[in-house]
Every structure is written in C-alpha cells, then in structure tokens.
PDB file of N, CA and C in Angstrom:
ATOM      1  N   UNK A   1       9.256-152.902 130.479  1.00  0.00           N
ATOM      2  CA  UNK A   1       8.480-152.025 131.689  1.00  0.00           C
ATOM      3  C   UNK A   1       8.569-153.517 132.603  1.00  0.00           C
ATOM      4  N   UNK A   2       8.192-154.602 132.885  1.00  0.00           N
ATOM      5  CA  UNK A   2       8.347-155.750 133.569  1.00  0.00           C
ATOM      6  C   UNK A   2       9.829-155.626 134.095  1.00  0.00           C
ATOM      7  N   UNK A   3      11.023-155.133 133.495  1.00  0.00           N
ATOM      8  CA  UNK A   3      12.277-155.357 134.035  1.00  0.00           C
ATOM      9  C   UNK A   3      12.473-153.945 135.084  1.00  0.00           C
ATOM     10  N   UNK A   4      11.803-153.114 134.473  1.00  0.00           N
ATOM     11  CA  UNK A   4      11.820-151.550 135.275  1.00  0.00           C
ATOM     12  C   UNK A   4      10.708-151.691 136.531  1.00  0.00           C
ATOM     13  N   UNK A   5       9.892-152.458 136.525  1.00  0.00           N
ATOM     14  CA  UNK A   5       9.446-153.230 138.134  1.00  0.00           C
ATOM     15  C   UNK A   5       9.981-153.859 138.741  1.00  0.00           C
ATOM     16  N   UNK A   6      10.962-154.747 138.092  1.00  0.00           N
ATOM     17  CA  UNK A   6      11.689-155.827 139.386  1.00  0.00           C
ATOM     18  C   UNK A   6      12.345-155.151 139.296  1.00  0.00           C
ATOM     19  N   UNK A   7      13.261-154.107 138.774  1.00  0.00           N
ATOM     20  CA  UNK A   7      13.976-153.429 139.969  1.00  0.00           C
ATOM     21  C   UNK A   7      13.609-152.272 141.242  1.00  0.00           C
ATOM     22  N   UNK A   8      12.114-151.879 140.717  1.00  0.00           N
ATOM     23  CA  UNK A   8      11.698-151.203 141.431  1.00  0.00           C
ATOM     24  C   UNK A   8      11.073-152.242 142.691  1.00  0.00           C
ATOM     25  N   UNK A   9      10.780-152.744 142.424  1.00  0.00           N
ATOM     26  CA  UNK A   9       9.593-153.913 143.782  1.00  0.00           C
ATOM     27  C   UNK A   9      11.582-154.540 144.514  1.00  0.00           C
ATOM     28  N   UNK A  10      12.050-155.061 143.993  1.00  0.00           N
ATOM     29  CA  UNK A  10      13.230-156.227 144.706  1.00  0.00           C
ATOM     30  C   UNK A  10      13.806-155.088 145.947  1.00  0.00           C
ATOM     31  N   UNK A  11      14.525-154.156 145.833  1.00  0.00           N
ATOM     32  CA  UNK A  11      14.512-153.111 146.545  1.00  0.00           C
ATOM     33  C   UNK A  11      13.607-153.079 147.628  1.00  0.00           C
ATOM     34  N   UNK A  12      12.687-152.302 146.973  1.00  0.00           N
ATOM     35  CA  UNK A  12      11.528-151.986 148.004  1.00  0.00           C
ATOM     36  C   UNK A  12      10.966-153.181 149.195  1.00  0.00           C
ATOM     37  N   UNK A  13      10.659-154.180 148.821  1.00  0.00           N
ATOM     38  CA  UNK A  13      10.527-155.349 149.404  1.00  0.00           C
ATOM     39  C   UNK A  13      12.153-156.470 150.417  1.00  0.00           C
ATOM     40  N   UNK A  14      13.601-156.161 150.027  1.00  0.00           N
ATOM     41  CA  UNK A  14      14.339-155.881 151.123  1.00  0.00           C
ATOM     42  C   UNK A  14      14.628-154.640 151.725  1.00  0.00           C
ATOM     43  N   UNK A  15      14.419-153.889 151.214  1.00  0.00           N
ATOM     44  CA  UNK A  15      14.566-152.605 152.738  1.00  0.00           C
ATOM     45  C   UNK A  15      13.399-152.766 153.474  1.00  0.00           C
ATOM     46  N   UNK A  16      11.780-153.728 152.817  1.00  0.00           N
ATOM     47  CA  UNK A  16      11.178-153.421 154.379  1.00  0.00           C
ATOM     48  C   UNK A  16      11.041-155.052 154.963  1.00  0.00           C
ATOM     49  N   UNK A  17      11.950-155.687 154.392  1.00  0.00           N
ATOM     50  CA  UNK A  17      12.595-156.979 155.154  1.00  0.00           C
ATOM     51  C   UNK A  17      13.151-156.545 156.005  1.00  0.00           C
ATOM     52  N   UNK A  18      14.068-156.075 155.724  1.00  0.00           N
ATOM     53  CA  UNK A  18      15.287-155.616 156.621  1.00  0.00           C
ATOM     54  C   UNK A  18      14.662-154.993 157.751  1.00  0.00           C
ATOM     55  N   UNK A  19      13.904-153.617 157.349  1.00  0.00           N
ATOM     56  CA  UNK A  19      13.841-152.905 158.733  1.00  0.00           C
ATOM     57  C   UNK A  19      12.544-153.920 159.584  1.00  0.00           C
ATOM     58  N   UNK A  20      11.481-154.528 159.150  1.00  0.00           N
ATOM     59  CA  UNK A  20      11.035-155.301 159.656  1.00  0.00           C
ATOM     60  C   UNK A  20      11.855-156.811 160.810  1.00  0.00           C
ATOM     61  N   UNK A  21      12.875-157.287 160.335  1.00  0.00           N
ATOM     62  CA  UNK A  21      14.289-158.059 161.023  1.00  0.00           C
ATOM     63  C   UNK A  21      14.731-157.062 162.107  1.00  0.00           C
ATOM     64  N   UNK A  22      14.777-155.680 161.678  1.00  0.00           N
ATOM     65  CA  UNK A  22      16.105-154.778 162.725  1.00  0.00           C
ATOM     66  C   UNK A  22      14.957-154.814 163.954  1.00  0.00           C
ATOM     67  N   UNK A  23      13.712-153.987 163.579  1.00  0.00           N
ATOM     68  CA  UNK A  23      12.876-153.660 164.650  1.00  0.00           C
ATOM     69  C   UNK A  23      12.862-154.677 165.713  1.00  0.00           C
ATOM     70  N   UNK A  24      12.604-155.878 165.282  1.00  0.00           N
ATOM     71  CA  UNK A  24      12.033-157.027 165.252  1.00  0.00           C
ATOM     72  C   UNK A  24      13.232-157.538 166.733  1.00  0.00           C
ATOM     73  N   UNK A  25      14.470-157.732 166.347  1.00  0.00           N
ATOM     74  CA  UNK A  25      15.568-158.175 166.836  1.00  0.00           C
ATOM     75  C   UNK A  25      16.066-157.174 168.413  1.00  0.00           C
ATOM     76  N   UNK A  26      15.893-155.495 167.546  1.00  0.00           N
ATOM     77  CA  UNK A  26      15.690-154.527 168.859  1.00  0.00           C
ATOM     78  C   UNK A  26      15.069-155.151 169.699  1.00  0.00           C
ATOM     79  N   UNK A  27      14.047-155.130 169.620  1.00  0.00           N
ATOM     80  CA  UNK A  27      12.887-155.135 170.398  1.00  0.00           C
ATOM     81  C   UNK A  27      13.084-156.233 171.544  1.00  0.00           C
ATOM     82  N   UNK A  28      13.161-157.842 170.628  1.00  0.00           N
ATOM     83  CA  UNK A  28      13.480-158.889 171.757  1.00  0.00           C
ATOM     84  C   UNK A  28      14.844-158.753 172.157  1.00  0.00           C
ATOM     85  N   UNK A  29      16.078-157.940 171.974  1.00  0.00           N
ATOM     86  CA  UNK A  29      16.670-157.917 172.882  1.00  0.00           C
ATOM     87  C   UNK A  29      16.582-156.690 173.661  1.00  0.00           C
ATOM     88  N   UNK A  30      15.542-155.936 173.994  1.00  0.00           N
ATOM     89  CA  UNK A  30      15.712-155.345 174.969  1.00  0.00           C
ATOM     90  C   UNK A  30      14.472-155.535 175.639  1.00  0.00           C
ATOM     91  N   UNK A  31      13.775-156.586 175.587  1.00  0.00           N
ATOM     92  CA  UNK A  31      12.521-156.542 176.858  1.00  0.00           C
ATOM     93  C   UNK A  31      12.433-158.723 177.002  1.00  0.00           C
ATOM     94  N   UNK A  32      11.855-158.967 178.035  1.00  0.00           N
ATOM     95  CA  UNK A  32      11.850-160.330 178.066  1.00  0.00           C
ATOM     96  C   UNK A  32      10.563-160.575 177.507  1.00  0.00           C
ATOM     97  N   UNK A  33      10.516-161.985 177.464  1.00  0.00           N
ATOM     98  CA  UNK A  33       9.256-162.672 177.111  1.00  0.00           C
ATOM     99  C   UNK A  33       8.246-162.729 177.696  1.00  0.00           C
ATOM    100  N   UNK A  34       6.974-162.515 176.859  1.00  0.00           N
ATOM    101  CA  UNK A  34       5.790-162.140 177.781  1.00  0.00           C
ATOM    102  C   UNK A  34       5.073-163.161 176.999  1.00  0.00           C
ATOM    103  N   UNK A  35       4.107-163.987 178.120  1.00  0.00           N
ATOM    104  CA  UNK A  35       3.583-164.793 177.611  1.00  0.00           C
ATOM    105  C   UNK A  35       1.780-164.306 176.843  1.00  0.00           C
ATOM    106  N   UNK A  36       2.192-164.800 175.558  1.00  0.00           N
ATOM    107  CA  UNK A  36       0.766-164.582 174.571  1.00  0.00           C
ATOM    108  C   UNK A  36      -0.680-165.231 174.834  1.00  0.00           C
ATOM    109  N   UNK A  37      -0.547-166.242 175.585  1.00  0.00           N
ATOM    110  CA  UNK A  37      -1.882-166.700 176.352  1.00  0.00           C
ATOM    111  C   UNK A  37      -2.427-166.181 177.777  1.00  0.00           C
ATOM    112  N   UNK A  38      -3.040-165.297 177.645  1.00  0.00           N
ATOM    113  CA  UNK A  38      -3.336-164.735 179.150  1.00  0.00           C
ATOM    114  C   UNK A  38      -4.918-164.780 178.841  1.00  0.00           C
ATOM    115  N   UNK A  39      -5.561-165.232 178.525  1.00  0.00           N
ATOM    116  CA  UNK A  39      -7.296-165.393 178.360  1.00  0.00           C
ATOM    117  C   UNK A  39      -7.744-165.044 179.798  1.00  0.00           C
ATOM    118  N   UNK A  40      -8.762-164.211 180.421  1.00  0.00           N
ATOM    119  CA  UNK A  40      -9.546-164.843 181.266  1.00  0.00           C
ATOM    120  C   UNK A  40      -8.297-164.028 182.465  1.00  0.00           C
ATOM    121  N   UNK A  41      -7.083-163.521 182.812  1.00  0.00           N
ATOM    122  CA  UNK A  41      -5.869-163.464 183.267  1.00  0.00           C
ATOM    123  C   UNK A  41      -5.377-164.766 184.051  1.00  0.00           C
ATOM    124  N   UNK A  42      -5.412-165.478 182.638  1.00  0.00           N
ATOM    125  CA  UNK A  42      -4.660-166.666 182.907  1.00  0.00           C
ATOM    126  C   UNK A  42      -2.840-166.846 182.764  1.00  0.00           C
ATOM    127  N   UNK A  43      -2.288-166.814 183.411  1.00  0.00           N
ATOM    128  CA  UNK A  43      -0.814-166.344 183.069  1.00  0.00           C
ATOM    129  C   UNK A  43       0.118-167.550 183.494  1.00  0.00           C
ATOM    130  N   UNK A  44      -0.312-168.535 184.040  1.00  0.00           N
ATOM    131  CA  UNK A  44       0.496-169.565 184.718  1.00  0.00           C
ATOM    132  C   UNK A  44      -0.428-170.928 185.190  1.00  0.00           C
ATOM    133  N   UNK A  45       0.823-171.611 184.728  1.00  0.00           N
ATOM    134  CA  UNK A  45      -0.100-173.055 185.183  1.00  0.00           C
ATOM    135  C   UNK A  45      -0.811-173.429 186.423  1.00  0.00           C
ATOM    136  N   UNK A  46      -0.285-172.999 187.943  1.00  0.00           N
ATOM    137  CA  UNK A  46      -1.535-172.784 188.905  1.00  0.00           C
ATOM    138  C   UNK A  46      -2.755-171.952 188.627  1.00  0.00           C
ATOM    139  N   UNK A  47      -2.845-170.833 187.896  1.00  0.00           N
ATOM    140  CA  UNK A  47      -3.983-170.044 187.590  1.00  0.00           C
ATOM    141  C   UNK A  47      -4.655-171.188 186.652  1.00  0.00           C
ATOM    142  N   UNK A  48      -4.168-172.033 185.579  1.00  0.00           N
ATOM    143  CA  UNK A  48      -5.209-172.645 184.853  1.00  0.00           C
ATOM    144  C   UNK A  48      -5.500-173.646 185.305  1.00  0.00           C
ATOM    145  N   UNK A  49      -5.098-174.433 186.685  1.00  0.00           N
ATOM    146  CA  UNK A  49      -5.221-175.332 187.478  1.00  0.00           C
ATOM    147  C   UNK A  49      -6.699-174.397 187.797  1.00  0.00           C
ATOM    148  N   UNK A  50      -6.244-174.038 188.910  1.00  0.00           N
ATOM    149  CA  UNK A  50      -8.080-172.692 189.520  1.00  0.00           C
ATOM    150  C   UNK A  50      -8.882-172.926 188.855  1.00  0.00           C
ATOM    151  N   UNK A  51      -8.322-172.464 187.104  1.00  0.00           N
ATOM    152  CA  UNK A  51      -9.695-172.316 186.583  1.00  0.00           C
ATOM    153  C   UNK A  51     -10.246-172.911 186.176  1.00  0.00           C
ATOM    154  N   UNK A  52      -9.754-174.571 185.969  1.00  0.00           N
ATOM    155  CA  UNK A  52     -10.153-176.050 185.676  1.00  0.00           C
ATOM    156  C   UNK A  52     -11.045-176.058 186.780  1.00  0.00           C
ATOM    157  N   UNK A  53     -10.250-176.098 188.313  1.00  0.00           N
ATOM    158  CA  UNK A  53     -11.102-176.960 189.563  1.00  0.00           C
ATOM    159  C   UNK A  53     -12.172-175.929 189.051  1.00  0.00           C
ATOM    160  N   UNK A  54     -12.331-174.188 189.465  1.00  0.00           N
ATOM    161  CA  UNK A  54     -13.595-173.460 189.010  1.00  0.00           C
ATOM    162  C   UNK A  54     -14.865-173.360 188.143  1.00  0.00           C
ATOM    163  N   UNK A  55     -14.136-174.273 187.563  1.00  0.00           N
ATOM    164  CA  UNK A  55     -14.866-174.727 186.278  1.00  0.00           C
ATOM    165  C   UNK A  55     -15.480-176.102 186.218  1.00  0.00           C
ATOM    166  N   UNK A  56     -14.823-176.908 186.798  1.00  0.00           N
ATOM    167  CA  UNK A  56     -15.368-178.205 187.273  1.00  0.00           C
ATOM    168  C   UNK A  56     -16.441-177.723 188.376  1.00  0.00           C
ATOM    169  N   UNK A  57     -16.021-176.782 189.510  1.00  0.00           N
ATOM    170  CA  UNK A  57     -16.927-176.593 190.553  1.00  0.00           C
ATOM    171  C   UNK A  57     -18.669-175.531 189.728  1.00  0.00           C
ATOM    172  N   UNK A  58     -18.052-175.028 188.878  1.00  0.00           N
ATOM    173  CA  UNK A  58     -19.439-174.628 188.722  1.00  0.00           C
ATOM    174  C   UNK A  58     -20.614-175.862 187.715  1.00  0.00           C
ATOM    175  N   UNK A  59     -19.603-176.383 187.311  1.00  0.00           N
ATOM    176  CA  UNK A  59     -20.883-177.754 186.845  1.00  0.00           C
ATOM    177  C   UNK A  59     -21.108-178.787 188.016  1.00  0.00           C
ATOM    178  N   UNK A  60     -20.130-178.646 188.967  1.00  0.00           N
ATOM    179  CA  UNK A  60     -20.315-180.038 189.768  1.00  0.00           C
ATOM    180  C   UNK A  60     -21.310-179.541 191.240  1.00  0.00           C
ATOM    181  N   UNK A  61     -21.055-178.409 191.260  1.00  0.00           N
ATOM    182  CA  UNK A  61     -21.926-177.881 192.449  1.00  0.00           C
ATOM    183  C   UNK A  61     -23.863-178.334 192.179  1.00  0.00           C
ATOM    184  N   UNK A  62     -24.072-177.673 191.112  1.00  0.00           N
ATOM    185  CA  UNK A  62     -25.978-177.614 191.058  1.00  0.00           C
ATOM    186  C   UNK A  62     -26.218-179.281 190.839  1.00  0.00           C
ATOM    187  N   UNK A  63     -24.856-180.126 190.199  1.00  0.00           N
ATOM    188  CA  UNK A  63     -25.501-181.467 190.134  1.00  0.00           C
ATOM    189  C   UNK A  63     -25.415-181.863 191.720  1.00  0.00           C
ATOM    190  N   UNK A  64     -24.551-181.516 192.770  1.00  0.00           N
ATOM    191  CA  UNK A  64     -24.825-181.963 193.733  1.00  0.00           C
ATOM    192  C   UNK A  64     -26.012-181.679 194.475  1.00  0.00           C
ATOM    193  N   UNK A  65     -26.230-180.071 194.109  1.00  0.00           N
ATOM    194  CA  UNK A  65     -27.361-179.973 194.873  1.00  0.00           C
ATOM    195  C   UNK A  65     -28.963-180.818 194.404  1.00  0.00           C
ATOM    196  N   UNK A  66     -28.743-180.708 192.931  1.00  0.00           N
ATOM    197  CA  UNK A  66     -29.920-181.481 191.663  1.00  0.00           C
ATOM    198  C   UNK A  66     -30.018-183.457 192.844  1.00  0.00           C
ATOM    199  N   UNK A  67     -29.005-183.753 193.438  1.00  0.00           N
ATOM    200  CA  UNK A  67     -29.361-185.042 194.188  1.00  0.00           C
ATOM    201  C   UNK A  67     -29.493-184.910 195.351  1.00  0.00           C
ATOM    202  N   UNK A  68     -29.219-184.316 196.073  1.00  0.00           N
ATOM    203  CA  UNK A  68     -29.719-183.697 197.286  1.00  0.00           C
ATOM    204  C   UNK A  68     -30.887-183.620 197.360  1.00  0.00           C
ATOM    205  N   UNK A  69     -31.761-182.683 196.677  1.00  0.00           N
ATOM    206  CA  UNK A  69     -33.344-182.714 195.563  1.00  0.00           C
ATOM    207  C   UNK A  69     -33.448-184.408 196.135  1.00  0.00           C
ATOM    208  N   UNK A  70     -33.206-185.491 194.444  1.00  0.00           N
ATOM    209  CA  UNK A  70     -33.538-186.135 194.222  1.00  0.00           C
ATOM    210  C   UNK A  70     -33.183-186.956 195.685  1.00  0.00           C
ATOM    211  N   UNK A  71     -32.582-187.176 196.471  1.00  0.00           N
ATOM    212  CA  UNK A  71     -32.450-188.127 197.854  1.00  0.00           C
ATOM    213  C   UNK A  71     -33.326-188.076 198.570  1.00  0.00           C
ATOM    214  N   UNK A  72     -33.317-186.422 198.753  1.00  0.00           N
ATOM    215  CA  UNK A  72     -34.726-186.298 199.767  1.00  0.00           C
ATOM    216  C   UNK A  72     -36.377-186.072 199.502  1.00  0.00           C
ATOM    217  N   UNK A  73     -36.298-186.494 197.938  1.00  0.00           N
ATOM    218  CA  UNK A  73     -37.364-186.914 197.681  1.00  0.00           C
ATOM    219  C   UNK A  73     -37.552-188.211 197.470  1.00  0.00           C
ATOM    220  N   UNK A  74     -36.804-189.187 197.481  1.00  0.00           N
ATOM    221  CA  UNK A  74     -36.833-190.672 197.670  1.00  0.00           C
ATOM    222  C   UNK A  74     -36.754-190.951 199.510  1.00  0.00           C
ATOM    223  N   UNK A  75     -36.438-190.005 200.265  1.00  0.00           N
ATOM    224  CA  UNK A  75     -36.665-190.203 201.597  1.00  0.00           C
ATOM    225  C   UNK A  75     -37.920-190.540 201.796  1.00  0.00           C
ATOM    226  N   UNK A  76     -39.058-188.859 201.446  1.00  0.00           N
ATOM    227  CA  UNK A  76     -39.988-188.882 201.195  1.00  0.00           C
ATOM    228  C   UNK A  76     -41.259-189.768 200.737  1.00  0.00           C
ATOM    229  N   UNK A  77     -40.810-190.137 199.708  1.00  0.00           N
ATOM    230  CA  UNK A  77     -41.739-191.392 199.005  1.00  0.00           C
ATOM    231  C   UNK A  77     -41.266-192.479 199.088  1.00  0.00           C
ATOM    232  N   UNK A  78     -40.486-192.635 200.519  1.00  0.00           N
ATOM    233  CA  UNK A  78     -39.915-194.381 200.763  1.00  0.00           C
ATOM    234  C   UNK A  78     -41.276-194.835 201.909  1.00  0.00           C
ATOM    235  N   UNK A  79     -41.139-193.947 202.626  1.00  0.00           N
ATOM    236  CA  UNK A  79     -42.960-194.550 203.414  1.00  0.00           C
ATOM    237  C   UNK A  79     -41.335-195.461 204.379  1.00  0.00           C
ATOM    238  N   UNK A  80     -42.447-196.594 204.494  1.00  0.00           N
ATOM    239  CA  UNK A  80     -41.956-198.079 205.303  1.00  0.00           C
ATOM    240  C   UNK A  80     -40.948-198.759 204.904  1.00  0.00           C
ATOM    241  N   UNK A  81     -41.065-198.367 202.975  1.00  0.00           N
ATOM    242  CA  UNK A  81     -40.239-199.190 202.495  1.00  0.00           C
ATOM    243  C   UNK A  81     -38.604-199.277 202.584  1.00  0.00           C
ATOM    244  N   UNK A  82     -38.288-200.807 203.195  1.00  0.00           N
ATOM    245  CA  UNK A  82     -36.849-200.530 203.542  1.00  0.00           C
ATOM    246  C   UNK A  82     -35.859-200.502 202.475  1.00  0.00           C
ATOM    247  N   UNK A  83     -36.386-200.994 201.417  1.00  0.00           N
ATOM    248  CA  UNK A  83     -35.187-200.930 199.940  1.00  0.00           C
ATOM    249  C   UNK A  83     -35.450-199.140 199.806  1.00  0.00           C
ATOM    250  N   UNK A  84     -36.446-198.749 199.852  1.00  0.00           N
ATOM    251  CA  UNK A  84     -36.626-197.609 199.193  1.00  0.00           C
ATOM    252  C   UNK A  84     -35.364-196.651 199.911  1.00  0.00           C
ATOM    253  N   UNK A  85     -35.506-196.577 201.483  1.00  0.00           N
ATOM    254  CA  UNK A  85     -34.862-195.926 202.390  1.00  0.00           C
ATOM    255  C   UNK A  85     -33.610-196.742 202.198  1.00  0.00           C
ATOM    256  N   UNK A  86     -32.778-197.589 201.718  1.00  0.00           N
ATOM    257  CA  UNK A  86     -31.647-197.689 202.498  1.00  0.00           C
ATOM    258  C   UNK A  86     -31.581-196.946 200.605  1.00  0.00           C
ATOM    259  N   UNK A  87     -31.926-197.334 199.477  1.00  0.00           N
ATOM    260  CA  UNK A  87     -31.218-196.185 198.150  1.00  0.00           C
ATOM    261  C   UNK A  87     -31.096-195.061 198.548  1.00  0.00           C
ATOM    262  N   UNK A  88     -32.189-194.518 199.335  1.00  0.00           N
ATOM    263  CA  UNK A  88     -32.558-192.751 199.181  1.00  0.00           C
ATOM    264  C   UNK A  88     -30.833-192.772 200.302  1.00  0.00           C
ATOM    265  N   UNK A  89     -30.629-193.457 201.415  1.00  0.00           N
ATOM    266  CA  UNK A  89     -29.606-193.287 202.268  1.00  0.00           C
ATOM    267  C   UNK A  89     -28.505-193.524 200.894  1.00  0.00           C
ATOM    268  N   UNK A  90     -28.306-194.563 199.850  1.00  0.00           N
ATOM    269  CA  UNK A  90     -26.982-194.562 199.146  1.00  0.00           C
ATOM    270  C   UNK A  90     -26.763-193.707 198.285  1.00  0.00           C
ATOM    271  N   UNK A  91     -27.979-192.699 198.091  1.00  0.00           N
ATOM    272  CA  UNK A  91     -27.934-192.064 197.590  1.00  0.00           C
ATOM    273  C   UNK A  91     -26.954-190.501 198.264  1.00  0.00           C
ATOM    274  N   UNK A  92     -27.797-190.103 198.959  1.00  0.00           N
ATOM    275  CA  UNK A  92     -27.482-189.435 200.227  1.00  0.00           C
ATOM    276  C   UNK A  92     -25.717-189.623 200.342  1.00  0.00           C
ATOM    277  N   UNK A  93     -24.904-190.835 200.751  1.00  0.00           N
ATOM    278  CA  UNK A  93     -23.866-190.885 200.647  1.00  0.00           C
ATOM    279  C   UNK A  93     -23.178-190.811 199.451  1.00  0.00           C
ATOM    280  N   UNK A  94     -22.858-191.107 198.753  1.00  0.00           N
ATOM    281  CA  UNK A  94     -22.569-190.966 197.505  1.00  0.00           C
ATOM    282  C   UNK A  94     -21.975-189.354 196.884  1.00  0.00           C
ATOM    283  N   UNK A  95     -24.077-188.585 197.235  1.00  0.00           N
ATOM    284  CA  UNK A  95     -24.009-187.336 196.824  1.00  0.00           C
ATOM    285  C   UNK A  95     -22.729-186.640 197.884  1.00  0.00           C
ATOM    286  N   UNK A  96     -22.671-186.911 199.496  1.00  0.00           N
ATOM    287  CA  UNK A  96     -22.179-185.825 199.738  1.00  0.00           C
ATOM    288  C   UNK A  96     -19.891-186.663 199.842  1.00  0.00           C
ATOM    289  N   UNK A  97     -20.549-187.620 199.489  1.00  0.00           N
ATOM    290  CA  UNK A  97     -18.889-187.997 199.264  1.00  0.00           C
ATOM    291  C   UNK A  97     -18.733-187.599 198.272  1.00  0.00           C
ATOM    292  N   UNK A  98     -19.370-187.385 196.950  1.00  0.00           N
ATOM    293  CA  UNK A  98     -18.961-186.020 195.652  1.00  0.00           C
ATOM    294  C   UNK A  98     -18.455-185.065 195.647  1.00  0.00           C
ATOM    295  N   UNK A  99     -19.158-184.741 197.293  1.00  0.00           N
ATOM    296  CA  UNK A  99     -19.509-183.107 196.983  1.00  0.00           C
ATOM    297  C   UNK A  99     -18.012-183.359 198.277  1.00  0.00           C
ATOM    298  N   UNK A 100     -17.756-183.910 199.315  1.00  0.00           N
ATOM    299  CA  UNK A 100     -16.571-183.943 199.512  1.00  0.00           C
ATOM    300  C   UNK A 100     -14.813-183.706 198.435  1.00  0.00           C
ATOM    301  N   UNK A 101     -15.443-184.866 197.090  1.00  0.00           N
ATOM    302  CA  UNK A 101     -14.152-184.818 196.810  1.00  0.00           C
ATOM    303  C   UNK A 101     -14.045-184.182 195.950  1.00  0.00           C
ATOM    304  N   UNK A 102     -14.663-182.788 195.315  1.00  0.00           N
ATOM    305  CA  UNK A 102     -14.917-181.771 195.021  1.00  0.00           C
ATOM    306  C   UNK A 102     -14.289-180.569 195.464  1.00  0.00           C
ATOM    307  N   UNK A 103     -14.821-180.620 196.772  1.00  0.00           N
ATOM    308  CA  UNK A 103     -14.055-179.622 198.167  1.00  0.00           C
ATOM    309  C   UNK A 103     -12.655-180.022 197.830  1.00  0.00           C
ATOM    310  N   UNK A 104     -11.996-180.863 198.183  1.00  0.00           N
ATOM    311  CA  UNK A 104     -10.944-181.760 198.218  1.00  0.00           C
ATOM    312  C   UNK A 104     -10.129-181.219 197.052  1.00  0.00           C
ATOM    313  N   UNK A 105     -10.683-181.072 195.844  1.00  0.00           N
ATOM    314  CA  UNK A 105     -10.124-180.996 194.081  1.00  0.00           C
ATOM    315  C   UNK A 105      -9.716-179.496 194.513  1.00  0.00           C
ATOM    316  N   UNK A 106     -10.688-178.777 194.810  1.00  0.00           N
ATOM    317  CA  UNK A 106     -10.449-177.319 195.557  1.00  0.00           C
ATOM    318  C   UNK A 106      -9.780-176.729 196.309  1.00  0.00           C
ATOM    319  N   UNK A 107      -9.323-177.507 197.385  1.00  0.00           N
ATOM    320  CA  UNK A 107      -8.415-177.129 198.491  1.00  0.00           C
ATOM    321  C   UNK A 107      -7.293-177.211 198.206  1.00  0.00           C
ATOM    322  N   UNK A 108      -7.401-179.148 197.272  1.00  0.00           N
ATOM    323  CA  UNK A 108      -5.390-179.202 197.028  1.00  0.00           C
ATOM    324  C   UNK A 108      -5.286-178.303 195.878  1.00  0.00           C
ATOM    325  N   UNK A 109      -6.014-177.683 195.356  1.00  0.00           N
ATOM    326  CA  UNK A 109      -5.471-176.797 194.098  1.00  0.00           C
ATOM    327  C   UNK A 109      -5.486-175.360 194.496  1.00  0.00           C
ATOM    328  N   UNK A 110      -5.948-174.964 195.662  1.00  0.00           N
ATOM    329  CA  UNK A 110      -5.463-174.071 196.086  1.00  0.00           C
ATOM    330  C   UNK A 110      -4.225-174.373 197.148  1.00  0.00           C
ATOM    331  N   UNK A 111      -3.795-175.117 197.390  1.00  0.00           N
ATOM    332  CA  UNK A 111      -2.472-175.356 198.102  1.00  0.00           C
ATOM    333  C   UNK A 111      -1.656-175.547 197.246  1.00  0.00           C
ATOM    334  N   UNK A 112      -1.805-176.177 196.164  1.00  0.00           N
ATOM    335  CA  UNK A 112      -0.304-176.308 194.693  1.00  0.00           C
ATOM    336  C   UNK A 112       0.026-175.011 194.346  1.00  0.00           C
ATOM    337  N   UNK A 113      -1.163-173.970 194.133  1.00  0.00           N
ATOM    338  CA  UNK A 113      -0.520-172.733 193.759  1.00  0.00           C
ATOM    339  C   UNK A 113      -0.064-171.682 194.342  1.00  0.00           C
ATOM    340  N   UNK A 114      -0.576-172.004 195.706  1.00  0.00           N
ATOM    341  CA  UNK A 114       0.126-171.596 197.265  1.00  0.00           C
ATOM    342  C   UNK A 114       1.323-171.924 196.821  1.00  0.00           C
ATOM    343  N   UNK A 115       1.670-172.775 196.925  1.00  0.00           N
ATOM    344  CA  UNK A 115       3.057-173.559 196.881  1.00  0.00           C
ATOM    345  C   UNK A 115       3.751-173.093 195.877  1.00  0.00           C
ATOM    346  N   UNK A 116       3.399-172.737 194.849  1.00  0.00           N
ATOM    347  CA  UNK A 116       3.808-172.964 193.648  1.00  0.00           C
ATOM    348  C   UNK A 116       4.171-171.316 193.567  1.00  0.00           C
ATOM    349  N   UNK A 117       3.523-170.291 193.727  1.00  0.00           N
ATOM    350  CA  UNK A 117       3.591-168.969 194.058  1.00  0.00           C
ATOM    351  C   UNK A 117       4.192-168.433 195.216  1.00  0.00           C
ATOM    352  N   UNK A 118       4.516-169.417 196.151  1.00  0.00           N
ATOM    353  CA  UNK A 118       5.632-169.023 197.264  1.00  0.00           C
ATOM    354  C   UNK A 118       7.032-168.977 196.164  1.00  0.00           C
ATOM    355  N   UNK A 119       7.385-170.693 195.673  1.00  0.00           N
ATOM    356  CA  UNK A 119       8.809-170.707 194.976  1.00  0.00           C
ATOM    357  C   UNK A 119       8.845-169.769 194.296  1.00  0.00           C
TER     358      UNK A 119
END
C-alpha cells in the first residue's frame, strides 16, 4: 500500500511542479515586471516622496495653527509686560519659520517629482 502511494503521488507532484514552472516562465517572458507595492497609488519614488510630505503636512498644519493661537493668547495676556510680549513675538517668529519650512518642503518635493517625471 505504501509503495503504491509513492508511485501515484510522485508523478503527480512532478507534473504539478512542471506545470507551475512552465506557466511562470511563459508569463515572465511575455510581460514586463510590475511593481508589487502600489499602496494608495504610490508606484514610484517621487510619488512616495510626495506621500511622505503630505503626511507631514497632515500632522504639521494643525500644530502650526495651534501655535499661532497660542502666540495670540500670549499677546492678549501679556498686557504691558515686555518679557511676555517678547515671548509671544518669539513664538510667532518660530511658528512662521516652521510653516515656511513645511511649505518649502512641499514645494521642493513637488519640484523633484516634476523633474524626475519629465526625465
């Protein structure tokens, strides 16, 4: 009985393996390689770069808005206190600088994507 199973299953396994290899080599010869990682429409490095910058934007913009509100709160509560006014100005200055860096990153990423896409 064991000998009979060996002679039945071995040709079946070899035939299955041959069919799988034959279909794989035939399909590989007739088509080009397709990127298997296409999550969210990201199919290239420039698209990945823009997706990362968009994620940073998604997180950074609410933080910038909160710091602008915080700077305004500092201005309102400062009154005549010069130290508090200086702190509020510093908060606004660094918040605007951070916003410009964030915007600059978006512009640079879009420029890189356009340059690579045109090549």
